[in-house]
């Protein structure tokens, strides 16, 4: 039996960007920041919306094992920090080559740095 507190951290299918048209819309009309091992493109959504994530890993990042690990790291960073977002967003994270050698804490630091620069994080208490 799972604890009720773990429910809000679930990364459901509704939280994934899937269509190429959604990725293109965010790239064309959204904001962009390049920082460390990732590039972030995002669009703010109305307050009643759900934040969604799309991840892009090109072959430049590495072989299939490296690309899969990069996608898992980026999804996990989003999942664990989703509740700290100031408002709902559609965000596309693009992995850069440097992600291949990084640990989770390094990827999380780059992700949080991007959110701070974009003013998407809730103010610290």
PDB file of N, CA and C in Angstrom:
ATOM      1  N   UNK A   1       0.836  -1.182   0.000  1.00  0.00           N
ATOM      2  CA  UNK A   1       0.000   0.000   0.000  1.00  0.00           C
ATOM      3  C   UNK A   1       0.882   1.248   0.000  1.00  0.00           C
ATOM      4  N   UNK A   2       0.584   2.213  -0.898  1.00  0.00           N
ATOM      5  CA  UNK A   2       1.399   3.417  -0.997  1.00  0.00           C
ATOM      6  C   UNK A   2       0.902   4.483  -0.041  1.00  0.00           C
ATOM      7  N   UNK A   3       1.814   5.306   0.385  1.00  0.00           N
ATOM      8  CA  UNK A   3       1.475   6.392   1.304  1.00  0.00           C
ATOM      9  C   UNK A   3       0.749   7.498   0.543  1.00  0.00           C
ATOM     10  N   UNK A   4      -0.236   8.153   1.152  1.00  0.00           N
ATOM     11  CA  UNK A   4      -0.966   9.223   0.479  1.00  0.00           C
ATOM     12  C   UNK A   4      -0.058  10.388   0.075  1.00  0.00           C
ATOM     13  N   UNK A   5       1.007  10.628   0.818  1.00  0.00           N
ATOM     14  CA  UNK A   5       1.902  11.735   0.500  1.00  0.00           C
ATOM     15  C   UNK A   5       2.624  11.523  -0.833  1.00  0.00           C
ATOM     16  N   UNK A   6       2.796  10.270  -1.261  1.00  0.00           N
ATOM     17  CA  UNK A   6       3.493  10.014  -2.512  1.00  0.00           C
ATOM     18  C   UNK A   6       2.594  10.243  -3.733  1.00  0.00           C
ATOM     19  N   UNK A   7       1.314  10.335  -3.550  1.00  0.00           N
ATOM     20  CA  UNK A   7       0.375  10.544  -4.644  1.00  0.00           C
ATOM     21  C   UNK A   7       0.652  11.805  -5.458  1.00  0.00           C
ATOM     22  N   UNK A   8       0.843  12.969  -4.820  1.00  0.00           N
ATOM     23  CA  UNK A   8       1.031  14.188  -5.601  1.00  0.00           C
ATOM     24  C   UNK A   8       2.315  14.188  -6.433  1.00  0.00           C
ATOM     25  N   UNK A   9       3.275  13.341  -6.105  1.00  0.00           N
ATOM     26  CA  UNK A   9       4.529  13.325  -6.826  1.00  0.00           C
ATOM     27  C   UNK A   9       4.514  12.391  -8.029  1.00  0.00           C
ATOM     28  N   UNK A  10       3.393  11.754  -8.272  1.00  0.00           N
ATOM     29  CA  UNK A  10       3.306  10.833  -9.399  1.00  0.00           C
ATOM     30  C   UNK A  10       3.449  11.593 -10.717  1.00  0.00           C
ATOM     31  N   UNK A  11       4.138  10.984 -11.679  1.00  0.00           N
ATOM     32  CA  UNK A  11       4.302  11.568 -13.004  1.00  0.00           C
ATOM     33  C   UNK A  11       3.384  10.830 -13.964  1.00  0.00           C
ATOM     34  N   UNK A  12       2.165  11.305 -14.067  1.00  0.00           N
ATOM     35  CA  UNK A  12       1.155  10.607 -14.861  1.00  0.00           C
ATOM     36  C   UNK A  12       1.290  10.911 -16.347  1.00  0.00           C
ATOM     37  N   UNK A  13       0.564  10.169 -17.140  1.00  0.00           N
ATOM     38  CA  UNK A  13       0.556  10.331 -18.585  1.00  0.00           C
ATOM     39  C   UNK A  13       0.055  11.721 -18.990  1.00  0.00           C
ATOM     40  N   UNK A  14      -0.851  12.299 -18.197  1.00  0.00           N
ATOM     41  CA  UNK A  14      -1.405  13.620 -18.498  1.00  0.00           C
ATOM     42  C   UNK A  14      -0.361  14.720 -18.323  1.00  0.00           C
ATOM     43  N   UNK A  15       0.755  14.408 -17.697  1.00  0.00           N
ATOM     44  CA  UNK A  15       1.803  15.404 -17.450  1.00  0.00           C
ATOM     45  C   UNK A  15       2.903  15.368 -18.502  1.00  0.00           C
ATOM     46  N   UNK A  16       2.706  14.594 -19.564  1.00  0.00           N
ATOM     47  CA  UNK A  16       3.712  14.480 -20.618  1.00  0.00           C
ATOM     48  C   UNK A  16       3.265  15.234 -21.862  1.00  0.00           C
ATOM     49  N   UNK A  17       4.188  15.944 -22.458  1.00  0.00           N
ATOM     50  CA  UNK A  17       3.955  16.516 -23.776  1.00  0.00           C
ATOM     51  C   UNK A  17       4.289  15.425 -24.780  1.00  0.00           C
ATOM     52  N   UNK A  18       3.404  15.180 -25.729  1.00  0.00           N
ATOM     53  CA  UNK A  18       3.602  14.067 -26.652  1.00  0.00           C
ATOM     54  C   UNK A  18       3.631  14.483 -28.111  1.00  0.00           C
ATOM     55  N   UNK A  19       2.782  15.419 -28.482  1.00  0.00           N
ATOM     56  CA  UNK A  19       2.649  15.772 -29.894  1.00  0.00           C
ATOM     57  C   UNK A  19       3.752  16.724 -30.340  1.00  0.00           C
ATOM     58  N   UNK A  20       4.230  16.528 -31.542  1.00  0.00           N
ATOM     59  CA  UNK A  20       5.271  17.410 -32.073  1.00  0.00           C
ATOM     60  C   UNK A  20       4.749  18.838 -32.209  1.00  0.00           C
ATOM     61  N   UNK A  21       3.441  18.995 -32.416  1.00  0.00           N
ATOM     62  CA  UNK A  21       2.869  20.342 -32.511  1.00  0.00           C
ATOM     63  C   UNK A  21       2.972  21.080 -31.174  1.00  0.00           C
ATOM     64  N   UNK A  22       2.880  20.352 -30.055  1.00  0.00           N
ATOM     65  CA  UNK A  22       3.031  20.976 -28.737  1.00  0.00           C
ATOM     66  C   UNK A  22       4.477  21.422 -28.519  1.00  0.00           C
ATOM     67  N   UNK A  23       5.426  20.576 -28.921  1.00  0.00           N
ATOM     68  CA  UNK A  23       6.836  20.932 -28.809  1.00  0.00           C
ATOM     69  C   UNK A  23       7.129  22.165 -29.667  1.00  0.00           C
ATOM     70  N   UNK A  24       6.608  22.184 -30.900  1.00  0.00           N
ATOM     71  CA  UNK A  24       6.848  23.297 -31.822  1.00  0.00           C
ATOM     72  C   UNK A  24       6.241  24.593 -31.286  1.00  0.00           C
ATOM     73  N   UNK A  25       5.042  24.523 -30.708  1.00  0.00           N
ATOM     74  CA  UNK A  25       4.380  25.711 -30.152  1.00  0.00           C
ATOM     75  C   UNK A  25       5.211  26.316 -29.034  1.00  0.00           C
ATOM     76  N   UNK A  26       5.733  25.478 -28.169  1.00  0.00           N
ATOM     77  CA  UNK A  26       6.536  25.960 -27.045  1.00  0.00           C
ATOM     78  C   UNK A  26       7.849  26.565 -27.548  1.00  0.00           C
ATOM     79  N   UNK A  27       8.447  25.938 -28.543  1.00  0.00           N
ATOM     80  CA  UNK A  27       9.706  26.450 -29.082  1.00  0.00           C
ATOM     81  C   UNK A  27       9.500  27.795 -29.777  1.00  0.00           C
ATOM     82  N   UNK A  28       8.397  27.936 -30.518  1.00  0.00           N
ATOM     83  CA  UNK A  28       8.142  29.165 -31.267  1.00  0.00           C
ATOM     84  C   UNK A  28       7.661  30.315 -30.386  1.00  0.00           C
ATOM     85  N   UNK A  29       6.754  30.039 -29.459  1.00  0.00           N
ATOM     86  CA  UNK A  29       6.097  31.105 -28.710  1.00  0.00           C
ATOM     87  C   UNK A  29       6.535  31.210 -27.257  1.00  0.00           C
ATOM     88  N   UNK A  30       7.358  30.287 -26.801  1.00  0.00           N
ATOM     89  CA  UNK A  30       7.735  30.275 -25.396  1.00  0.00           C
ATOM     90  C   UNK A  30       9.034  31.004 -25.113  1.00  0.00           C
ATOM     91  N   UNK A  31       9.444  30.929 -23.870  1.00  0.00           N
ATOM     92  CA  UNK A  31      10.700  31.500 -23.404  1.00  0.00           C
ATOM     93  C   UNK A  31      11.763  30.415 -23.405  1.00  0.00           C
ATOM     94  N   UNK A  32      13.042  30.850 -23.363  1.00  0.00           N
ATOM     95  CA  UNK A  32      14.136  29.877 -23.445  1.00  0.00           C
ATOM     96  C   UNK A  32      15.302  30.327 -22.580  1.00  0.00           C
ATOM     97  N   UNK A  33      15.883  29.366 -21.866  1.00  0.00           N
ATOM     98  CA  UNK A  33      17.106  29.602 -21.101  1.00  0.00           C
ATOM     99  C   UNK A  33      18.030  28.408 -21.296  1.00  0.00           C
ATOM    100  N   UNK A  34      19.311  28.690 -21.519  1.00  0.00           N
ATOM    101  CA  UNK A  34      20.332  27.656 -21.637  1.00  0.00           C
ATOM    102  C   UNK A  34      21.177  27.732 -20.377  1.00  0.00           C
ATOM    103  N   UNK A  35      21.314  26.608 -19.690  1.00  0.00           N
ATOM    104  CA  UNK A  35      22.076  26.598 -18.446  1.00  0.00           C
ATOM    105  C   UNK A  35      22.638  25.207 -18.200  1.00  0.00           C
ATOM    106  N   UNK A  36      23.937  25.104 -18.046  1.00  0.00           N
ATOM    107  CA  UNK A  36      24.567  23.834 -17.687  1.00  0.00           C
ATOM    108  C   UNK A  36      24.285  22.731 -18.680  1.00  0.00           C
ATOM    109  N   UNK A  37      23.686  21.659 -18.182  1.00  0.00           N
ATOM    110  CA  UNK A  37      23.477  20.461 -18.995  1.00  0.00           C
ATOM    111  C   UNK A  37      22.137  20.452 -19.719  1.00  0.00           C
ATOM    112  N   UNK A  38      21.382  21.562 -19.674  1.00  0.00           N
ATOM    113  CA  UNK A  38      20.070  21.530 -20.319  1.00  0.00           C
ATOM    114  C   UNK A  38      19.679  22.869 -20.913  1.00  0.00           C
ATOM    115  N   UNK A  39      18.734  22.788 -21.820  1.00  0.00           N
ATOM    116  CA  UNK A  39      18.080  23.949 -22.410  1.00  0.00           C
ATOM    117  C   UNK A  39      16.614  23.821 -22.051  1.00  0.00           C
ATOM    118  N   UNK A  40      16.028  24.896 -21.542  1.00  0.00           N
ATOM    119  CA  UNK A  40      14.619  24.866 -21.147  1.00  0.00           C
ATOM    120  C   UNK A  40      13.820  25.840 -22.001  1.00  0.00           C
ATOM    121  N   UNK A  41      12.734  25.351 -22.577  1.00  0.00           N
ATOM    122  CA  UNK A  41      11.742  26.172 -23.267  1.00  0.00           C
ATOM    123  C   UNK A  41      10.433  25.994 -22.510  1.00  0.00           C
ATOM    124  N   UNK A  42       9.709  27.085 -22.252  1.00  0.00           N
ATOM    125  CA  UNK A  42       8.473  26.948 -21.491  1.00  0.00           C
ATOM    126  C   UNK A  42       7.458  28.021 -21.856  1.00  0.00           C
ATOM    127  N   UNK A  43       6.211  27.695 -21.555  1.00  0.00           N
ATOM    128  CA  UNK A  43       5.085  28.620 -21.682  1.00  0.00           C
ATOM    129  C   UNK A  43       4.281  28.509 -20.392  1.00  0.00           C
ATOM    130  N   UNK A  44       3.949  29.658 -19.795  1.00  0.00           N
ATOM    131  CA  UNK A  44       3.109  29.650 -18.605  1.00  0.00           C
ATOM    132  C   UNK A  44       1.668  29.361 -19.009  1.00  0.00           C
ATOM    133  N   UNK A  45       0.958  28.644 -18.139  1.00  0.00           N
ATOM    134  CA  UNK A  45      -0.421  28.220 -18.404  1.00  0.00           C
ATOM    135  C   UNK A  45      -1.370  28.878 -17.422  1.00  0.00           C
ATOM    136  N   UNK A  46      -2.678  28.827 -17.696  1.00  0.00           N
ATOM    137  CA  UNK A  46      -3.657  29.343 -16.738  1.00  0.00           C
ATOM    138  C   UNK A  46      -3.574  28.576 -15.409  1.00  0.00           C
ATOM    139  N   UNK A  47      -3.980  29.216 -14.302  1.00  0.00           N
ATOM    140  CA  UNK A  47      -3.840  28.605 -12.970  1.00  0.00           C
ATOM    141  C   UNK A  47      -4.517  27.246 -12.796  1.00  0.00           C
ATOM    142  N   UNK A  48      -5.571  26.969 -13.523  1.00  0.00           N
ATOM    143  CA  UNK A  48      -6.290  25.701 -13.345  1.00  0.00           C
ATOM    144  C   UNK A  48      -5.665  24.549 -14.140  1.00  0.00           C
ATOM    145  N   UNK A  49      -4.619  24.824 -14.895  1.00  0.00           N
ATOM    146  CA  UNK A  49      -3.967  23.805 -15.728  1.00  0.00           C
ATOM    147  C   UNK A  49      -3.019  22.931 -14.918  1.00  0.00           C
ATOM    148  N   UNK A  50      -2.538  21.885 -15.571  1.00  0.00           N
ATOM    149  CA  UNK A  50      -1.554  20.970 -14.982  1.00  0.00           C
ATOM    150  C   UNK A  50      -0.227  21.181 -15.711  1.00  0.00           C
ATOM    151  N   UNK A  51       0.864  21.252 -14.962  1.00  0.00           N
ATOM    152  CA  UNK A  51       2.185  21.388 -15.572  1.00  0.00           C
ATOM    153  C   UNK A  51       2.521  20.117 -16.345  1.00  0.00           C
ATOM    154  N   UNK A  52       3.116  20.301 -17.539  1.00  0.00           N
ATOM    155  CA  UNK A  52       3.479  19.160 -18.364  1.00  0.00           C
ATOM    156  C   UNK A  52       4.927  19.286 -18.796  1.00  0.00           C
ATOM    157  N   UNK A  53       5.549  18.141 -19.063  1.00  0.00           N
ATOM    158  CA  UNK A  53       6.962  18.086 -19.422  1.00  0.00           C
ATOM    159  C   UNK A  53       7.157  17.322 -20.713  1.00  0.00           C
ATOM    160  N   UNK A  54       8.071  17.826 -21.534  1.00  0.00           N
ATOM    161  CA  UNK A  54       8.556  17.118 -22.701  1.00  0.00           C
ATOM    162  C   UNK A  54      10.069  17.094 -22.624  1.00  0.00           C
ATOM    163  N   UNK A  55      10.681  16.001 -23.037  1.00  0.00           N
ATOM    164  CA  UNK A  55      12.131  15.858 -22.976  1.00  0.00           C
ATOM    165  C   UNK A  55      12.655  15.502 -24.363  1.00  0.00           C
ATOM    166  N   UNK A  56      13.745  16.170 -24.751  1.00  0.00           N
ATOM    167  CA  UNK A  56      14.398  15.899 -26.030  1.00  0.00           C
ATOM    168  C   UNK A  56      15.843  15.513 -25.755  1.00  0.00           C
ATOM    169  N   UNK A  57      16.257  14.371 -26.292  1.00  0.00           N
ATOM    170  CA  UNK A  57      17.655  13.951 -26.209  1.00  0.00           C
ATOM    171  C   UNK A  57      18.091  13.527 -27.608  1.00  0.00           C
ATOM    172  N   UNK A  58      18.994  14.271 -28.189  1.00  0.00           N
ATOM    173  CA  UNK A  58      19.463  13.940 -29.541  1.00  0.00           C
ATOM    174  C   UNK A  58      20.595  12.931 -29.469  1.00  0.00           C
ATOM    175  N   UNK A  59      20.985  12.431 -30.609  1.00  0.00           N
ATOM    176  CA  UNK A  59      22.082  11.462 -30.666  1.00  0.00           C
ATOM    177  C   UNK A  59      23.413  12.079 -30.267  1.00  0.00           C
ATOM    178  N   UNK A  60      23.492  13.390 -30.302  1.00  0.00           N
ATOM    179  CA  UNK A  60      24.721  14.068 -29.895  1.00  0.00           C
ATOM    180  C   UNK A  60      25.024  13.825 -28.414  1.00  0.00           C
ATOM    181  N   UNK A  61      23.985  13.530 -27.634  1.00  0.00           N
ATOM    182  CA  UNK A  61      24.159  13.285 -26.197  1.00  0.00           C
ATOM    183  C   UNK A  61      24.939  11.995 -25.966  1.00  0.00           C
ATOM    184  N   UNK A  62      24.690  10.984 -26.789  1.00  0.00           N
ATOM    185  CA  UNK A  62      25.381   9.710 -26.645  1.00  0.00           C
ATOM    186  C   UNK A  62      24.551   8.583 -27.215  1.00  0.00           C
ATOM    187  N   UNK A  63      24.942   7.366 -26.886  1.00  0.00           N
ATOM    188  CA  UNK A  63      24.224   6.186 -27.346  1.00  0.00           C
ATOM    189  C   UNK A  63      22.870   6.064 -26.677  1.00  0.00           C
ATOM    190  N   UNK A  64      22.139   5.011 -27.013  1.00  0.00           N
ATOM    191  CA  UNK A  64      20.772   4.864 -26.508  1.00  0.00           C
ATOM    192  C   UNK A  64      20.718   4.744 -24.993  1.00  0.00           C
ATOM    193  N   UNK A  65      21.690   4.105 -24.385  1.00  0.00           N
ATOM    194  CA  UNK A  65      21.703   3.961 -22.929  1.00  0.00           C
ATOM    195  C   UNK A  65      21.888   5.321 -22.268  1.00  0.00           C
ATOM    196  N   UNK A  66      22.786   6.125 -22.794  1.00  0.00           N
ATOM    197  CA  UNK A  66      23.052   7.454 -22.247  1.00  0.00           C
ATOM    198  C   UNK A  66      21.841   8.356 -22.438  1.00  0.00           C
ATOM    199  N   UNK A  67      21.222   8.296 -23.617  1.00  0.00           N
ATOM    200  CA  UNK A  67      20.030   9.129 -23.875  1.00  0.00           C
ATOM    201  C   UNK A  67      18.877   8.736 -22.968  1.00  0.00           C
ATOM    202  N   UNK A  68      18.670   7.445 -22.755  1.00  0.00           N
ATOM    203  CA  UNK A  68      17.598   6.983 -21.871  1.00  0.00           C
ATOM    204  C   UNK A  68      17.840   7.443 -20.436  1.00  0.00           C
ATOM    205  N   UNK A  69      19.082   7.366 -19.983  1.00  0.00           N
ATOM    206  CA  UNK A  69      19.416   7.816 -18.634  1.00  0.00           C
ATOM    207  C   UNK A  69      19.168   9.323 -18.498  1.00  0.00           C
ATOM    208  N   UNK A  70      19.524  10.076 -19.527  1.00  0.00           N
ATOM    209  CA  UNK A  70      19.304  11.527 -19.512  1.00  0.00           C
ATOM    210  C   UNK A  70      17.812  11.840 -19.421  1.00  0.00           C
ATOM    211  N   UNK A  71      16.992  11.129 -20.175  1.00  0.00           N
ATOM    212  CA  UNK A  71      15.536  11.340 -20.114  1.00  0.00           C
ATOM    213  C   UNK A  71      14.998  11.007 -18.730  1.00  0.00           C
ATOM    214  N   UNK A  72      15.453   9.894 -18.148  1.00  0.00           N
ATOM    215  CA  UNK A  72      15.005   9.521 -16.801  1.00  0.00           C
ATOM    216  C   UNK A  72      15.401  10.576 -15.775  1.00  0.00           C
ATOM    217  N   UNK A  73      16.627  11.072 -15.868  1.00  0.00           N
ATOM    218  CA  UNK A  73      17.081  12.105 -14.931  1.00  0.00           C
ATOM    219  C   UNK A  73      16.231  13.367 -15.039  1.00  0.00           C
ATOM    220  N   UNK A  74      15.971  13.821 -16.248  1.00  0.00           N
ATOM    221  CA  UNK A  74      15.197  15.048 -16.438  1.00  0.00           C
ATOM    222  C   UNK A  74      13.750  14.884 -15.981  1.00  0.00           C
ATOM    223  N   UNK A  75      13.147  13.728 -16.252  1.00  0.00           N
ATOM    224  CA  UNK A  75      11.779  13.488 -15.782  1.00  0.00           C
ATOM    225  C   UNK A  75      11.723  13.438 -14.255  1.00  0.00           C
ATOM    226  N   UNK A  76      12.715  12.815 -13.643  1.00  0.00           N
ATOM    227  CA  UNK A  76      12.746  12.698 -12.181  1.00  0.00           C
ATOM    228  C   UNK A  76      12.937  14.061 -11.524  1.00  0.00           C
ATOM    229  N   UNK A  77      13.796  14.890 -12.087  1.00  0.00           N
ATOM    230  CA  UNK A  77      14.008  16.230 -11.550  1.00  0.00           C
ATOM    231  C   UNK A  77      12.709  17.030 -11.619  1.00  0.00           C
ATOM    232  N   UNK A  78      12.012  16.939 -12.733  1.00  0.00           N
ATOM    233  CA  UNK A  78      10.723  17.629 -12.869  1.00  0.00           C
ATOM    234  C   UNK A  78       9.719  17.091 -11.866  1.00  0.00           C
ATOM    235  N   UNK A  79       9.616  15.786 -11.755  1.00  0.00           N
ATOM    236  CA  UNK A  79       8.632  15.155 -10.874  1.00  0.00           C
ATOM    237  C   UNK A  79       8.827  15.569  -9.418  1.00  0.00           C
ATOM    238  N   UNK A  80      10.063  15.559  -8.952  1.00  0.00           N
ATOM    239  CA  UNK A  80      10.325  15.844  -7.540  1.00  0.00           C
ATOM    240  C   UNK A  80      10.259  17.329  -7.200  1.00  0.00           C
ATOM    241  N   UNK A  81      10.349  18.190  -8.197  1.00  0.00           N
ATOM    242  CA  UNK A  81      10.321  19.633  -7.934  1.00  0.00           C
ATOM    243  C   UNK A  81       9.079  20.318  -8.497  1.00  0.00           C
ATOM    244  N   UNK A  82       8.141  19.562  -8.993  1.00  0.00           N
ATOM    245  CA  UNK A  82       6.936  20.121  -9.614  1.00  0.00           C
ATOM    246  C   UNK A  82       6.116  20.972  -8.653  1.00  0.00           C
ATOM    247  N   UNK A  83       6.036  20.561  -7.392  1.00  0.00           N
ATOM    248  CA  UNK A  83       5.204  21.286  -6.423  1.00  0.00           C
ATOM    249  C   UNK A  83       5.790  22.655  -6.088  1.00  0.00           C
ATOM    250  N   UNK A  84       7.049  22.917  -6.435  1.00  0.00           N
ATOM    251  CA  UNK A  84       7.682  24.210  -6.147  1.00  0.00           C
ATOM    252  C   UNK A  84       7.462  25.245  -7.248  1.00  0.00           C
ATOM    253  N   UNK A  85       6.772  24.870  -8.326  1.00  0.00           N
ATOM    254  CA  UNK A  85       6.516  25.811  -9.412  1.00  0.00           C
ATOM    255  C   UNK A  85       5.515  26.873  -8.968  1.00  0.00           C
ATOM    256  N   UNK A  86       5.784  28.116  -9.338  1.00  0.00           N
ATOM    257  CA  UNK A  86       4.923  29.250  -8.988  1.00  0.00           C
ATOM    258  C   UNK A  86       3.585  29.176  -9.729  1.00  0.00           C
ATOM    259  N   UNK A  87       3.607  28.690 -10.967  1.00  0.00           N
ATOM    260  CA  UNK A  87       2.392  28.577 -11.778  1.00  0.00           C
ATOM    261  C   UNK A  87       2.554  27.372 -12.696  1.00  0.00           C
ATOM    262  N   UNK A  88       1.452  26.847 -13.232  1.00  0.00           N
ATOM    263  CA  UNK A  88       1.561  25.719 -14.169  1.00  0.00           C
ATOM    264  C   UNK A  88       2.286  26.141 -15.454  1.00  0.00           C
ATOM    265  N   UNK A  89       3.099  25.240 -15.977  1.00  0.00           N
ATOM    266  CA  UNK A  89       3.851  25.510 -17.209  1.00  0.00           C
ATOM    267  C   UNK A  89       3.882  24.268 -18.086  1.00  0.00           C
ATOM    268  N   UNK A  90       4.002  24.499 -19.377  1.00  0.00           N
ATOM    269  CA  UNK A  90       4.401  23.450 -20.309  1.00  0.00           C
ATOM    270  C   UNK A  90       5.881  23.698 -20.529  1.00  0.00           C
ATOM    271  N   UNK A  91       6.708  22.714 -20.224  1.00  0.00           N
ATOM    272  CA  UNK A  91       8.158  22.906 -20.307  1.00  0.00           C
ATOM    273  C   UNK A  91       8.787  21.786 -21.125  1.00  0.00           C
ATOM    274  N   UNK A  92       9.687  22.177 -22.013  1.00  0.00           N
ATOM    275  CA  UNK A  92      10.457  21.223 -22.805  1.00  0.00           C
ATOM    276  C   UNK A  92      11.913  21.356 -22.367  1.00  0.00           C
ATOM    277  N   UNK A  93      12.485  20.241 -21.912  1.00  0.00           N
ATOM    278  CA  UNK A  93      13.884  20.214 -21.501  1.00  0.00           C
ATOM    279  C   UNK A  93      14.685  19.482 -22.568  1.00  0.00           C
ATOM    280  N   UNK A  94      15.741  20.115 -23.037  1.00  0.00           N
ATOM    281  CA  UNK A  94      16.602  19.533 -24.053  1.00  0.00           C
ATOM    282  C   UNK A  94      17.937  19.216 -23.398  1.00  0.00           C
ATOM    283  N   UNK A  95      18.319  17.950 -23.434  1.00  0.00           N
ATOM    284  CA  UNK A  95      19.579  17.528 -22.822  1.00  0.00           C
ATOM    285  C   UNK A  95      20.747  17.949 -23.699  1.00  0.00           C
ATOM    286  N   UNK A  96      21.820  18.428 -23.056  1.00  0.00           N
ATOM    287  CA  UNK A  96      23.052  18.757 -23.753  1.00  0.00           C
ATOM    288  C   UNK A  96      24.076  17.652 -23.508  1.00  0.00           C
ATOM    289  N   UNK A  97      25.140  17.639 -24.273  1.00  0.00           N
ATOM    290  CA  UNK A  97      26.151  16.577 -24.174  1.00  0.00           C
ATOM    291  C   UNK A  97      26.676  16.384 -22.763  1.00  0.00           C
ATOM    292  N   UNK A  98      26.822  17.469 -22.016  1.00  0.00           N
ATOM    293  CA  UNK A  98      27.435  17.399 -20.695  1.00  0.00           C
ATOM    294  C   UNK A  98      26.619  16.583 -19.693  1.00  0.00           C
ATOM    295  N   UNK A  99      25.358  16.295 -19.989  1.00  0.00           N
ATOM    296  CA  UNK A  99      24.528  15.526 -19.056  1.00  0.00           C
ATOM    297  C   UNK A  99      25.006  14.076 -18.929  1.00  0.00           C
ATOM    298  N   UNK A 100      25.735  13.603 -19.906  1.00  0.00           N
ATOM    299  CA  UNK A 100      26.162  12.198 -19.932  1.00  0.00           C
ATOM    300  C   UNK A 100      26.990  11.806 -18.711  1.00  0.00           C
ATOM    301  N   UNK A 101      27.768  12.724 -18.167  1.00  0.00           N
ATOM    302  CA  UNK A 101      28.660  12.401 -17.061  1.00  0.00           C
ATOM    303  C   UNK A 101      28.173  12.924 -15.713  1.00  0.00           C
ATOM    304  N   UNK A 102      26.977  13.471 -15.656  1.00  0.00           N
ATOM    305  CA  UNK A 102      26.504  14.098 -14.426  1.00  0.00           C
ATOM    306  C   UNK A 102      25.669  13.163 -13.564  1.00  0.00           C
ATOM    307  N   UNK A 103      25.668  13.466 -12.276  1.00  0.00           N
ATOM    308  CA  UNK A 103      24.823  12.749 -11.325  1.00  0.00           C
ATOM    309  C   UNK A 103      23.520  13.512 -11.158  1.00  0.00           C
ATOM    310  N   UNK A 104      22.560  12.877 -10.487  1.00  0.00           N
ATOM    311  CA  UNK A 104      21.249  13.482 -10.288  1.00  0.00           C
ATOM    312  C   UNK A 104      21.357  14.864  -9.644  1.00  0.00           C
ATOM    313  N   UNK A 105      22.178  15.005  -8.614  1.00  0.00           N
ATOM    314  CA  UNK A 105      22.261  16.281  -7.888  1.00  0.00           C
ATOM    315  C   UNK A 105      22.754  17.409  -8.793  1.00  0.00           C
ATOM    316  N   UNK A 106      23.651  17.090  -9.726  1.00  0.00           N
ATOM    317  CA  UNK A 106      24.147  18.109 -10.653  1.00  0.00           C
ATOM    318  C   UNK A 106      23.058  18.532 -11.638  1.00  0.00           C
ATOM    319  N   UNK A 107      22.305  17.567 -12.131  1.00  0.00           N
ATOM    320  CA  UNK A 107      21.211  17.865 -13.060  1.00  0.00           C
ATOM    321  C   UNK A 107      20.136  18.672 -12.337  1.00  0.00           C
ATOM    322  N   UNK A 108      19.828  18.296 -11.107  1.00  0.00           N
ATOM    323  CA  UNK A 108      18.827  19.029 -10.326  1.00  0.00           C
ATOM    324  C   UNK A 108      19.277  20.467 -10.079  1.00  0.00           C
ATOM    325  N   UNK A 109      20.552  20.668  -9.788  1.00  0.00           N
ATOM    326  CA  UNK A 109      21.070  22.019  -9.558  1.00  0.00           C
ATOM    327  C   UNK A 109      20.906  22.882 -10.811  1.00  0.00           C
ATOM    328  N   UNK A 110      21.212  22.329 -11.980  1.00  0.00           N
ATOM    329  CA  UNK A 110      21.035  23.077 -13.231  1.00  0.00           C
ATOM    330  C   UNK A 110      19.564  23.382 -13.481  1.00  0.00           C
ATOM    331  N   UNK A 111      18.690  22.415 -13.234  1.00  0.00           N
ATOM    332  CA  UNK A 111      17.254  22.591 -13.430  1.00  0.00           C
ATOM    333  C   UNK A 111      16.717  23.695 -12.516  1.00  0.00           C
ATOM    334  N   UNK A 112      17.066  23.641 -11.234  1.00  0.00           N
ATOM    335  CA  UNK A 112      16.587  24.653 -10.285  1.00  0.00           C
ATOM    336  C   UNK A 112      17.159  26.032 -10.617  1.00  0.00           C
ATOM    337  N   UNK A 113      18.385  26.071 -11.114  1.00  0.00           N
ATOM    338  CA  UNK A 113      18.982  27.327 -11.529  1.00  0.00           C
ATOM    339  C   UNK A 113      18.188  27.943 -12.687  1.00  0.00           C
ATOM    340  N   UNK A 114      17.789  27.105 -13.632  1.00  0.00           N
ATOM    341  CA  UNK A 114      16.962  27.577 -14.759  1.00  0.00           C
ATOM    342  C   UNK A 114      15.636  28.118 -14.248  1.00  0.00           C
ATOM    343  N   UNK A 115      14.983  27.393 -13.347  1.00  0.00           N
ATOM    344  CA  UNK A 115      13.690  27.852 -12.825  1.00  0.00           C
ATOM    345  C   UNK A 115      13.816  29.160 -12.057  1.00  0.00           C
ATOM    346  N   UNK A 116      14.907  29.329 -11.314  1.00  0.00           N
ATOM    347  CA  UNK A 116      15.130  30.586 -10.582  1.00  0.00           C
ATOM    348  C   UNK A 116      15.334  31.741 -11.549  1.00  0.00           C
ATOM    349  N   UNK A 117      16.143  31.533 -12.565  1.00  0.00           N
ATOM    350  CA  UNK A 117      16.385  32.601 -13.554  1.00  0.00           C
ATOM    351  C   UNK A 117      15.112  32.955 -14.305  1.00  0.00           C
ATOM    352  N   UNK A 118      14.236  31.968 -14.506  1.00  0.00           N
ATOM    353  CA  UNK A 118      12.981  32.199 -15.235  1.00  0.00           C
ATOM    354  C   UNK A 118      11.881  32.717 -14.311  1.00  0.00           C
ATOM    355  N   UNK A 119      12.181  32.813 -13.024  1.00  0.00           N
ATOM    356  CA  UNK A 119      11.200  33.259 -12.019  1.00  0.00           C
ATOM    357  C   UNK A 119       9.969  32.359 -12.000  1.00  0.00           C
ATOM    358  N   UNK A 120      10.206  31.046 -12.100  1.00  0.00           N
ATOM    359  CA  UNK A 120       9.113  30.083 -12.087  1.00  0.00           C
ATOM    360  C   UNK A 120       8.985  29.371 -10.746  1.00  0.00           C
ATOM    361  N   UNK A 121       9.908  29.614  -9.826  1.00  0.00           N
ATOM    362  CA  UNK A 121       9.858  28.957  -8.508  1.00  0.00           C
ATOM    363  C   UNK A 121       9.093  29.811  -7.503  1.00  0.00           C
ATOM    364  N   UNK A 122       8.416  29.126  -6.577  1.00  0.00           N
ATOM    365  CA  UNK A 122       7.792  29.834  -5.463  1.00  0.00           C
ATOM    366  C   UNK A 122       8.883  30.470  -4.621  1.00  0.00           C
ATOM    367  N   UNK A 123       8.599  31.634  -4.031  1.00  0.00           N
ATOM    368  CA  UNK A 123       9.600  32.240  -3.152  1.00  0.00           C
ATOM    369  C   UNK A 123       9.854  31.342  -1.943  1.00  0.00           C
ATOM    370  N   UNK A 124      11.110  31.269  -1.510  1.00  0.00           N
ATOM    371  CA  UNK A 124      11.467  30.446  -0.359  1.00  0.00           C
ATOM    372  C   UNK A 124      10.865  31.038   0.916  1.00  0.00           C
ATOM    373  N   UNK A 125      10.359  30.178   1.811  1.00  0.00           N
ATOM    374  CA  UNK A 125       9.740  30.691   3.048  1.00  0.00           C
ATOM    375  C   UNK A 125      10.744  31.284   4.001  1.00  0.00           C
TER     376      UNK A 125
END
